[in-house]
Structure formats: structure tokens, C-alpha cells
N, C-alpha and C. Protein backbone atom coordinates (compact mmCIF):
# COMPACT_ATOMS: atom_id res chain seq x y z
N MET A 1 67.14 88.15 103.31
CA MET A 1 67.05 89.63 102.98
C MET A 1 67.66 90.69 103.97
N ALA A 2 67.44 90.47 104.96
CA ALA A 2 68.22 90.94 106.41
C ALA A 2 69.91 90.21 106.98
N TRP A 3 69.63 88.83 106.05
CA TRP A 3 70.84 87.92 106.19
C TRP A 3 71.75 88.79 105.74
N GLY A 4 71.45 88.66 104.31
CA GLY A 4 72.48 89.90 103.48
C GLY A 4 72.76 90.43 103.29
N ILE A 5 71.75 92.03 103.95
CA ILE A 5 72.33 92.97 104.55
C ILE A 5 73.93 92.98 105.63
N LEU A 6 73.73 91.68 106.09
CA LEU A 6 74.28 91.87 107.72
C LEU A 6 75.81 91.00 107.25
N GLN A 7 75.65 90.53 105.97
CA GLN A 7 76.20 89.70 105.10
C GLN A 7 77.45 91.04 104.73
N TYR A 8 76.81 91.51 104.41
CA TYR A 8 77.34 92.63 103.38
C TYR A 8 78.08 93.99 104.19
N GLY A 9 77.02 93.98 105.50
CA GLY A 9 78.22 94.94 106.71
C GLY A 9 79.23 94.25 107.30
N LEU A 10 78.70 93.07 107.19
CA LEU A 10 80.19 92.73 107.88
C LEU A 10 81.80 92.97 107.00
N PHE A 11 81.44 92.60 106.07
CA PHE A 11 82.33 92.15 105.06
C PHE A 11 83.10 94.35 104.74
N VAL A 12 82.45 95.05 104.63
CA VAL A 12 82.45 95.71 104.74
C VAL A 12 83.50 96.42 104.94
N ALA A 13 83.18 96.44 107.20
CA ALA A 13 83.85 96.22 108.20
C ALA A 13 84.81 95.47 107.73
N THR A 14 85.42 94.62 107.32
CA THR A 14 86.45 93.98 107.66
C THR A 14 87.11 94.32 106.88
N ALA A 15 86.93 94.23 105.41
CA ALA A 15 87.74 95.88 105.02
C ALA A 15 87.89 96.63 105.20
N TRP A 16 87.21 97.55 105.63
CA TRP A 16 87.37 98.80 105.90
C TRP A 16 88.84 98.77 107.22
N LEU A 17 88.73 97.95 108.07
CA LEU A 17 89.18 97.16 108.95
C LEU A 17 90.71 97.04 108.64
N TYR A 18 90.75 95.66 107.86
CA TYR A 18 92.50 95.11 106.98
C TYR A 18 92.92 96.59 106.20
N GLU A 19 92.23 97.42 105.34
CA GLU A 19 92.74 98.63 104.42
C GLU A 19 93.33 99.12 105.54
N ASN A 20 92.68 100.14 106.75
CA ASN A 20 93.48 100.64 107.89
C ASN A 20 94.75 99.94 108.85
N ARG A 21 94.22 99.09 108.43
CA ARG A 21 95.51 97.99 109.44
C ARG A 21 96.36 97.38 108.56
N SER A 22 96.63 98.08 107.47
CA SER A 22 97.97 97.99 106.67
C SER A 22 98.72 98.72 106.42
N THR A 23 97.20 99.59 106.71
CA THR A 23 98.59 101.13 105.64
C THR A 23 98.89 102.22 107.20
N ARG A 24 98.95 101.60 108.78
CA ARG A 24 99.46 101.83 109.62
C ARG A 24 100.60 101.40 110.87
N SER A 25 100.44 100.06 109.96
CA SER A 25 101.40 98.65 110.78
C SER A 25 102.39 98.88 109.38
N PRO A 26 103.32 98.46 108.72
CA PRO A 26 103.98 98.28 106.97
C PRO A 26 104.37 96.76 107.79
N ASP A 27 104.74 96.23 106.49
CA ASP A 27 105.32 94.67 106.58
C ASP A 27 107.06 94.97 107.76
N PRO A 28 107.66 94.32 107.84
CA PRO A 28 108.33 94.22 108.48
C PRO A 28 110.18 94.22 107.51
N ILE A 29 109.48 93.03 106.11
CA ILE A 29 109.64 91.86 105.48
C ILE A 29 109.81 92.95 103.68
N GLU A 30 108.63 94.42 103.72
CA GLU A 30 108.57 94.95 102.64
C GLU A 30 109.55 96.26 103.80
N GLN A 31 109.90 96.25 104.11
CA GLN A 31 110.66 97.57 105.33
C GLN A 31 112.34 97.14 105.07
N SER A 32 112.45 95.79 104.99
CA SER A 32 113.65 95.54 104.93
C SER A 32 114.13 95.15 103.21
N LEU A 33 112.94 95.28 102.48
CA LEU A 33 113.21 95.15 101.25
C LEU A 33 113.13 96.38 100.49
N THR A 34 112.75 97.48 100.81
CA THR A 34 112.52 98.36 100.51
C THR A 34 113.76 100.17 100.88
N GLY A 35 114.40 98.90 102.22
CA GLY A 35 116.05 99.70 102.24
C GLY A 35 117.20 99.18 102.09
N VAL A 36 117.08 98.00 101.35
CA VAL A 36 117.25 97.56 100.49
C VAL A 36 117.49 98.10 98.23
N LEU A 37 116.47 98.08 97.61
CA LEU A 37 116.15 99.26 97.31
C LEU A 37 116.98 100.33 97.56
N HIS A 38 116.14 100.50 98.19
CA HIS A 38 117.22 102.55 98.08
C HIS A 38 118.30 102.42 98.90
N SER A 39 119.16 101.84 98.72
CA SER A 39 120.55 101.21 98.78
C SER A 39 122.05 101.46 97.59
N GLN A 40 120.29 101.01 97.29
CA GLN A 40 121.35 100.19 95.28
C GLN A 40 120.65 101.77 94.46
N MET A 41 120.11 102.48 95.50
CA MET A 41 119.19 103.75 93.91
C MET A 41 118.43 104.87 94.61
N PRO A 42 119.92 104.94 95.22
CA PRO A 42 119.54 106.49 96.30
C PRO A 42 119.37 107.14 95.32
N ASP A 43 118.57 107.76 94.29
CA ASP A 43 117.89 108.69 93.63
C ASP A 43 116.51 108.81 94.70
N ALA A 44 116.40 106.95 94.02
CA ALA A 44 114.79 107.24 94.28
C ALA A 44 113.87 107.72 95.17
N ARG A 45 112.75 108.06 95.24
CA ARG A 45 111.81 108.15 96.64
C ARG A 45 110.72 106.60 96.47
N PRO A 46 109.98 106.98 98.15
CA PRO A 46 109.36 105.92 97.90
C PRO A 46 107.63 106.16 97.63
N ARG A 47 107.24 105.03 97.23
CA ARG A 47 106.02 104.71 96.95
C ARG A 47 104.88 106.12 97.73
N GLN A 48 104.37 106.21 97.41
CA GLN A 48 102.99 107.44 97.62
C GLN A 48 101.60 107.09 97.82
N PHE A 49 101.46 105.93 98.80
CA PHE A 49 99.68 104.67 98.84
C PHE A 49 99.05 105.60 99.07
N LEU A 50 97.47 105.91 98.12
CA LEU A 50 96.62 106.52 98.58
C LEU A 50 96.25 105.63 99.59
N ALA A 51 95.68 106.63 99.99
CA ALA A 51 95.26 106.87 101.85
C ALA A 51 93.27 106.54 101.61
């Protein structure tokens, strides 16, 4: 029982850390593609991600 609780806690902590890091530092490839898309569609607004 204790092992299951520990494993669940580790899973939740890892997912939380991954989510925080992914929202703080965007992917350079995604940034370059976003720049290309905005240059093709100047009236497009960037997507707002739920935080």
C-alpha cells in the first residue's frame, strides 16, 4: 500500500514539474514555426494556453 502511494506521488510530482517546465521554456522549433506562420498570416493571434 505504501509503495503504491509513493509511486502515485512520484507520478503526480513528475507530471507537475514537466508541465511547469514546458510552459516556462518554449521549444525553439515551435518558436521558429510560429514565427513562420505569423509572417504568412499577419492578423493571426498567438494561442493562449491554459495555465
